[in-house]
Amino acid sequence: MGGSYGENILSVRMNFEKAFFVATQELKKRALMLGGDAVVSMRQDIDLDTSGFQYFYLQMYGTVVKRING
């Protein structure tokens, strides 16, 4: 049973890395769609499924900014 727990934690970690990458890429796309140059004050909110650590919920957000040439 101990190996199963370790495998679940490893699976969540690997899936989190993929989800984080996808979320940051999506933020970049949306910033460009809005005419922005960058996302600042990026935050993430992670909720774990405590009934078995098989699922997690990742929410990322930030503020889109545009560079102004003076």
PDB file of N, CA and C in Angstrom:
ATOM      1  N   MET A   1       0.811  -1.181   0.000  1.00  0.00           N
ATOM      2  CA  MET A   1       0.000   0.000   0.000  1.00  0.00           C
ATOM      3  C   MET A   1       0.862   1.255   0.000  1.00  0.00           C
ATOM      4  N   GLY A   2       2.025   1.229   0.657  1.00  0.00           N
ATOM      5  CA  GLY A   2       2.906   2.387   0.691  1.00  0.00           C
ATOM      6  C   GLY A   2       3.366   2.794  -0.695  1.00  0.00           C
ATOM      7  N   GLY A   3       3.652   1.813  -1.580  1.00  0.00           N
ATOM      8  CA  GLY A   3       4.079   2.131  -2.942  1.00  0.00           C
ATOM      9  C   GLY A   3       2.982   2.825  -3.720  1.00  0.00           C
ATOM     10  N   SER A   4       1.751   2.419  -3.494  1.00  0.00           N
ATOM     11  CA  SER A   4       0.623   3.034  -4.186  1.00  0.00           C
ATOM     12  C   SER A   4       0.502   4.504  -3.809  1.00  0.00           C
ATOM     13  N   TYR A   5       0.690   4.813  -2.542  1.00  0.00           N
ATOM     14  CA  TYR A   5       0.631   6.210  -2.085  1.00  0.00           C
ATOM     15  C   TYR A   5       1.724   7.032  -2.761  1.00  0.00           C
ATOM     16  N   GLY A   6       2.954   6.485  -2.785  1.00  0.00           N
ATOM     17  CA  GLY A   6       4.065   7.177  -3.429  1.00  0.00           C
ATOM     18  C   GLY A   6       3.828   7.392  -4.910  1.00  0.00           C
ATOM     19  N   GLU A   7       3.263   6.403  -5.578  1.00  0.00           N
ATOM     20  CA  GLU A   7       2.969   6.539  -6.999  1.00  0.00           C
ATOM     21  C   GLU A   7       1.940   7.631  -7.231  1.00  0.00           C
ATOM     22  N   ASN A   8       0.936   7.740  -6.369  1.00  0.00           N
ATOM     23  CA  ASN A   8      -0.079   8.781  -6.512  1.00  0.00           C
ATOM     24  C   ASN A   8       0.531  10.164  -6.357  1.00  0.00           C
ATOM     25  N   ILE A   9       1.424  10.335  -5.386  1.00  0.00           N
ATOM     26  CA  ILE A   9       2.071  11.630  -5.178  1.00  0.00           C
ATOM     27  C   ILE A   9       2.915  11.994  -6.390  1.00  0.00           C
ATOM     28  N   LEU A  10       3.668  11.034  -6.920  1.00  0.00           N
ATOM     29  CA  LEU A  10       4.486  11.276  -8.107  1.00  0.00           C
ATOM     30  C   LEU A  10       3.610  11.652  -9.285  1.00  0.00           C
ATOM     31  N   SER A  11       2.488  10.965  -9.459  1.00  0.00           N
ATOM     32  CA  SER A  11       1.573  11.261 -10.553  1.00  0.00           C
ATOM     33  C   SER A  11       1.018  12.673 -10.435  1.00  0.00           C
ATOM     34  N   VAL A  12       0.639  13.079  -9.235  1.00  0.00           N
ATOM     35  CA  VAL A  12       0.120  14.431  -9.031  1.00  0.00           C
ATOM     36  C   VAL A  12       1.197  15.451  -9.349  1.00  0.00           C
ATOM     37  N   ARG A  13       2.433  15.188  -8.914  1.00  0.00           N
ATOM     38  CA  ARG A  13       3.536  16.121  -9.171  1.00  0.00           C
ATOM     39  C   ARG A  13       3.779  16.294 -10.666  1.00  0.00           C
ATOM     40  N   MET A  14       3.807  15.190 -11.409  1.00  0.00           N
ATOM     41  CA  MET A  14       4.053  15.270 -12.849  1.00  0.00           C
ATOM     42  C   MET A  14       2.891  15.959 -13.547  1.00  0.00           C
ATOM     43  N   ASN A  15       1.671  15.652 -13.130  1.00  0.00           N
ATOM     44  CA  ASN A  15       0.516  16.293 -13.742  1.00  0.00           C
ATOM     45  C   ASN A  15       0.469  17.773 -13.396  1.00  0.00           C
ATOM     46  N   PHE A  16       0.915  18.144 -12.193  1.00  0.00           N
ATOM     47  CA  PHE A  16       0.952  19.554 -11.819  1.00  0.00           C
ATOM     48  C   PHE A  16       1.910  20.311 -12.719  1.00  0.00           C
ATOM     49  N   GLU A  17       3.073  19.738 -12.994  1.00  0.00           N
ATOM     50  CA  GLU A  17       4.043  20.410 -13.859  1.00  0.00           C
ATOM     51  C   GLU A  17       3.454  20.641 -15.250  1.00  0.00           C
ATOM     52  N   LYS A  18       2.748  19.661 -15.776  1.00  0.00           N
ATOM     53  CA  LYS A  18       2.098  19.809 -17.085  1.00  0.00           C
ATOM     54  C   LYS A  18       1.015  20.876 -17.024  1.00  0.00           C
ATOM     55  N   ALA A  19       0.195  20.836 -15.973  1.00  0.00           N
ATOM     56  CA  ALA A  19      -0.897  21.804 -15.833  1.00  0.00           C
ATOM     57  C   ALA A  19      -0.345  23.216 -15.687  1.00  0.00           C
ATOM     58  N   PHE A  20       0.744  23.378 -14.930  1.00  0.00           N
ATOM     59  CA  PHE A  20       1.361  24.690 -14.753  1.00  0.00           C
ATOM     60  C   PHE A  20       1.844  25.229 -16.096  1.00  0.00           C
ATOM     61  N   PHE A  21       2.497  24.378 -16.895  1.00  0.00           N
ATOM     62  CA  PHE A  21       2.978  24.787 -18.215  1.00  0.00           C
ATOM     63  C   PHE A  21       1.822  25.206 -19.117  1.00  0.00           C
ATOM     64  N   VAL A  22       0.778  24.394 -19.160  1.00  0.00           N
ATOM     65  CA  VAL A  22      -0.384  24.706 -20.001  1.00  0.00           C
ATOM     66  C   VAL A  22      -1.034  26.020 -19.549  1.00  0.00           C
ATOM     67  N   ALA A  23      -1.163  26.214 -18.241  1.00  0.00           N
ATOM     68  CA  ALA A  23      -1.788  27.427 -17.720  1.00  0.00           C
ATOM     69  C   ALA A  23      -0.981  28.669 -18.063  1.00  0.00           C
ATOM     70  N   THR A  24       0.340  28.601 -17.950  1.00  0.00           N
ATOM     71  CA  THR A  24       1.152  29.777 -18.281  1.00  0.00           C
ATOM     72  C   THR A  24       1.100  30.073 -19.777  1.00  0.00           C
ATOM     73  N   GLN A  25       1.073  29.035 -20.591  1.00  0.00           N
ATOM     74  CA  GLN A  25       0.957  29.252 -22.035  1.00  0.00           C
ATOM     75  C   GLN A  25      -0.392  29.894 -22.374  1.00  0.00           C
ATOM     76  N   GLU A  26      -1.436  29.471 -21.695  1.00  0.00           N
ATOM     77  CA  GLU A  26      -2.766  30.047 -21.923  1.00  0.00           C
ATOM     78  C   GLU A  26      -2.796  31.512 -21.496  1.00  0.00           C
ATOM     79  N   LEU A  27      -2.159  31.838 -20.386  1.00  0.00           N
ATOM     80  CA  LEU A  27      -2.088  33.240 -19.962  1.00  0.00           C
ATOM     81  C   LEU A  27      -1.369  34.091 -21.009  1.00  0.00           C
ATOM     82  N   LYS A  28      -0.290  33.566 -21.575  1.00  0.00           N
ATOM     83  CA  LYS A  28       0.440  34.295 -22.620  1.00  0.00           C
ATOM     84  C   LYS A  28      -0.459  34.557 -23.833  1.00  0.00           C
ATOM     85  N   LYS A  29      -1.182  33.524 -24.257  1.00  0.00           N
ATOM     86  CA  LYS A  29      -2.078  33.665 -25.409  1.00  0.00           C
ATOM     87  C   LYS A  29      -3.150  34.725 -25.160  1.00  0.00           C
ATOM     88  N   ARG A  30      -3.736  34.674 -23.980  1.00  0.00           N
ATOM     89  CA  ARG A  30      -4.807  35.618 -23.662  1.00  0.00           C
ATOM     90  C   ARG A  30      -4.276  37.042 -23.540  1.00  0.00           C
ATOM     91  N   ALA A  31      -3.065  37.194 -23.034  1.00  0.00           N
ATOM     92  CA  ALA A  31      -2.459  38.529 -22.958  1.00  0.00           C
ATOM     93  C   ALA A  31      -2.288  39.103 -24.363  1.00  0.00           C
ATOM     94  N   LEU A  32      -1.829  38.278 -25.282  1.00  0.00           N
ATOM     95  CA  LEU A  32      -1.670  38.736 -26.667  1.00  0.00           C
ATOM     96  C   LEU A  32      -3.018  39.068 -27.301  1.00  0.00           C
ATOM     97  N   MET A  33      -4.044  38.258 -27.014  1.00  0.00           N
ATOM     98  CA  MET A  33      -5.380  38.518 -27.553  1.00  0.00           C
ATOM     99  C   MET A  33      -5.919  39.867 -27.074  1.00  0.00           C
ATOM    100  N   LEU A  34      -5.540  40.257 -25.860  1.00  0.00           N
ATOM    101  CA  LEU A  34      -5.990  41.534 -25.301  1.00  0.00           C
ATOM    102  C   LEU A  34      -5.089  42.704 -25.697  1.00  0.00           C
ATOM    103  N   GLY A  35      -4.045  42.423 -26.470  1.00  0.00           N
ATOM    104  CA  GLY A  35      -3.140  43.477 -26.905  1.00  0.00           C
ATOM    105  C   GLY A  35      -2.047  43.793 -25.896  1.00  0.00           C
ATOM    106  N   GLY A  36      -1.851  42.921 -24.946  1.00  0.00           N
ATOM    107  CA  GLY A  36      -0.836  43.154 -23.922  1.00  0.00           C
ATOM    108  C   GLY A  36       0.512  42.588 -24.307  1.00  0.00           C
ATOM    109  N   ASP A  37       1.524  43.009 -23.545  1.00  0.00           N
ATOM    110  CA  ASP A  37       2.892  42.542 -23.772  1.00  0.00           C
ATOM    111  C   ASP A  37       3.366  41.567 -22.703  1.00  0.00           C
ATOM    112  N   ALA A  38       2.707  41.581 -21.545  1.00  0.00           N
ATOM    113  CA  ALA A  38       3.155  40.730 -20.436  1.00  0.00           C
ATOM    114  C   ALA A  38       2.021  40.524 -19.439  1.00  0.00           C
ATOM    115  N   VAL A  39       2.227  39.553 -18.563  1.00  0.00           N
ATOM    116  CA  VAL A  39       1.314  39.317 -17.442  1.00  0.00           C
ATOM    117  C   VAL A  39       2.130  39.543 -16.173  1.00  0.00           C
ATOM    118  N   VAL A  40       1.649  40.438 -15.321  1.00  0.00           N
ATOM    119  CA  VAL A  40       2.336  40.712 -14.058  1.00  0.00           C
ATOM    120  C   VAL A  40       1.448  40.285 -12.899  1.00  0.00           C
ATOM    121  N   SER A  41       2.035  40.186 -11.744  1.00  0.00           N
ATOM    122  CA  SER A  41       1.320  39.785 -10.526  1.00  0.00           C
ATOM    123  C   SER A  41       0.580  38.462 -10.727  1.00  0.00           C
ATOM    124  N   MET A  42       1.249  37.529 -11.397  1.00  0.00           N
ATOM    125  CA  MET A  42       0.636  36.231 -11.650  1.00  0.00           C
ATOM    126  C   MET A  42       0.479  35.475 -10.334  1.00  0.00           C
ATOM    127  N   ARG A  43      -0.675  34.887 -10.147  1.00  0.00           N
ATOM    128  CA  ARG A  43      -0.976  34.118  -8.943  1.00  0.00           C
ATOM    129  C   ARG A  43      -1.493  32.752  -9.342  1.00  0.00           C
ATOM    130  N   GLN A  44      -1.359  31.820  -8.416  1.00  0.00           N
ATOM    131  CA  GLN A  44      -1.917  30.494  -8.638  1.00  0.00           C
ATOM    132  C   GLN A  44      -2.649  30.046  -7.387  1.00  0.00           C
ATOM    133  N   ASP A  45      -3.697  29.309  -7.606  1.00  0.00           N
ATOM    134  CA  ASP A  45      -4.480  28.747  -6.508  1.00  0.00           C
ATOM    135  C   ASP A  45      -4.589  27.252  -6.777  1.00  0.00           C
ATOM    136  N   ILE A  46      -4.148  26.465  -5.825  1.00  0.00           N
ATOM    137  CA  ILE A  46      -4.142  25.012  -5.986  1.00  0.00           C
ATOM    138  C   ILE A  46      -4.993  24.396  -4.884  1.00  0.00           C
ATOM    139  N   ASP A  47      -5.932  23.565  -5.277  1.00  0.00           N
ATOM    140  CA  ASP A  47      -6.744  22.812  -4.323  1.00  0.00           C
ATOM    141  C   ASP A  47      -6.521  21.332  -4.590  1.00  0.00           C
ATOM    142  N   LEU A  48      -6.163  20.597  -3.541  1.00  0.00           N
ATOM    143  CA  LEU A  48      -5.961  19.156  -3.659  1.00  0.00           C
ATOM    144  C   LEU A  48      -7.217  18.413  -3.267  1.00  0.00           C
ATOM    145  N   ASP A  49      -7.479  17.330  -3.967  1.00  0.00           N
ATOM    146  CA  ASP A  49      -8.551  16.416  -3.592  1.00  0.00           C
ATOM    147  C   ASP A  49      -8.038  15.595  -2.424  1.00  0.00           C
ATOM    148  N   THR A  50      -8.507  15.882  -1.235  1.00  0.00           N
ATOM    149  CA  THR A  50      -7.977  15.228  -0.045  1.00  0.00           C
ATOM    150  C   THR A  50      -8.519  13.824   0.181  1.00  0.00           C
ATOM    151  N   SER A  51      -9.405  13.357  -0.677  1.00  0.00           N
ATOM    152  CA  SER A  51      -9.943  12.015  -0.482  1.00  0.00           C
ATOM    153  C   SER A  51      -9.047  10.937  -1.069  1.00  0.00           C
ATOM    154  N   GLY A  52      -7.977  11.295  -1.728  1.00  0.00           N
ATOM    155  CA  GLY A  52      -7.100  10.279  -2.288  1.00  0.00           C
ATOM    156  C   GLY A  52      -5.909  10.867  -3.021  1.00  0.00           C
ATOM    157  N   PHE A  53      -5.808  12.170  -3.081  1.00  0.00           N
ATOM    158  CA  PHE A  53      -4.704  12.865  -3.751  1.00  0.00           C
ATOM    159  C   PHE A  53      -4.579  12.473  -5.221  1.00  0.00           C
ATOM    160  N   GLN A  54      -5.696  12.168  -5.854  1.00  0.00           N
ATOM    161  CA  GLN A  54      -5.640  11.801  -7.264  1.00  0.00           C
ATOM    162  C   GLN A  54      -5.938  12.986  -8.164  1.00  0.00           C
ATOM    163  N   TYR A  55      -6.574  14.009  -7.627  1.00  0.00           N
ATOM    164  CA  TYR A  55      -6.953  15.156  -8.439  1.00  0.00           C
ATOM    165  C   TYR A  55      -6.520  16.442  -7.756  1.00  0.00           C
ATOM    166  N   PHE A  56      -6.288  17.441  -8.559  1.00  0.00           N
ATOM    167  CA  PHE A  56      -6.037  18.772  -8.029  1.00  0.00           C
ATOM    168  C   PHE A  56      -6.678  19.777  -8.973  1.00  0.00           C
ATOM    169  N   TYR A  57      -6.902  20.952  -8.472  1.00  0.00           N
ATOM    170  CA  TYR A  57      -7.518  22.020  -9.239  1.00  0.00           C
ATOM    171  C   TYR A  57      -6.551  23.191  -9.238  1.00  0.00           C
ATOM    172  N   LEU A  58      -6.172  23.660 -10.413  1.00  0.00           N
ATOM    173  CA  LEU A  58      -5.207  24.741 -10.549  1.00  0.00           C
ATOM    174  C   LEU A  58      -5.879  25.915 -11.231  1.00  0.00           C
ATOM    175  N   GLN A  59      -5.776  27.077 -10.611  1.00  0.00           N
ATOM    176  CA  GLN A  59      -6.311  28.300 -11.195  1.00  0.00           C
ATOM    177  C   GLN A  59      -5.171  29.315 -11.214  1.00  0.00           C
ATOM    178  N   MET A  60      -4.937  29.929 -12.364  1.00  0.00           N
ATOM    179  CA  MET A  60      -3.882  30.938 -12.486  1.00  0.00           C
ATOM    180  C   MET A  60      -4.481  32.204 -13.069  1.00  0.00           C
ATOM    181  N   TYR A  61      -3.990  33.323 -12.584  1.00  0.00           N
ATOM    182  CA  TYR A  61      -4.476  34.604 -13.088  1.00  0.00           C
ATOM    183  C   TYR A  61      -3.408  35.664 -12.870  1.00  0.00           C
ATOM    184  N   GLY A  62      -3.564  36.775 -13.542  1.00  0.00           N
ATOM    185  CA  GLY A  62      -2.620  37.888 -13.421  1.00  0.00           C
ATOM    186  C   GLY A  62      -3.183  39.102 -14.125  1.00  0.00           C
ATOM    187  N   THR A  63      -2.387  40.145 -14.180  1.00  0.00           N
ATOM    188  CA  THR A  63      -2.787  41.398 -14.799  1.00  0.00           C
ATOM    189  C   THR A  63      -2.031  41.576 -16.108  1.00  0.00           C
ATOM    190  N   VAL A  64      -2.767  41.806 -17.187  1.00  0.00           N
ATOM    191  CA  VAL A  64      -2.160  42.039 -18.492  1.00  0.00           C
ATOM    192  C   VAL A  64      -1.739  43.495 -18.575  1.00  0.00           C
ATOM    193  N   VAL A  65      -0.499  43.716 -19.023  1.00  0.00           N
ATOM    194  CA  VAL A  65       0.011  45.077 -19.165  1.00  0.00           C
ATOM    195  C   VAL A  65       0.545  45.292 -20.574  1.00  0.00           C
ATOM    196  N   LYS A  66       0.550  46.554 -20.972  1.00  0.00           N
ATOM    197  CA  LYS A  66       1.075  46.955 -22.280  1.00  0.00           C
ATOM    198  C   LYS A  66       2.192  47.967 -22.066  1.00  0.00           C
ATOM    199  N   ARG A  67       3.279  47.764 -22.738  1.00  0.00           N
ATOM    200  CA  ARG A  67       4.408  48.687 -22.655  1.00  0.00           C
ATOM    201  C   ARG A  67       4.078  49.949 -23.449  1.00  0.00           C
ATOM    202  N   ILE A  68       4.358  51.075 -22.859  1.00  0.00           N
ATOM    203  CA  ILE A  68       4.126  52.370 -23.530  1.00  0.00           C
ATOM    204  C   ILE A  68       5.474  52.976 -23.874  1.00  0.00           C
ATOM    205  N   ASN A  69       5.678  53.220 -25.158  1.00  0.00           N
ATOM    206  CA  ASN A  69       6.933  53.855 -25.597  1.00  0.00           C
ATOM    207  C   ASN A  69       6.789  55.352 -25.473  1.00  0.00           C
ATOM    208  N   GLY A  70       7.656  55.968 -24.691  1.00  0.00           N
ATOM    209  CA  GLY A  70       7.567  57.408 -24.426  1.00  0.00           C
ATOM    210  C   GLY A  70       8.359  58.166 -25.357  1.00  0.00           C
TER     211      GLY A  70
END
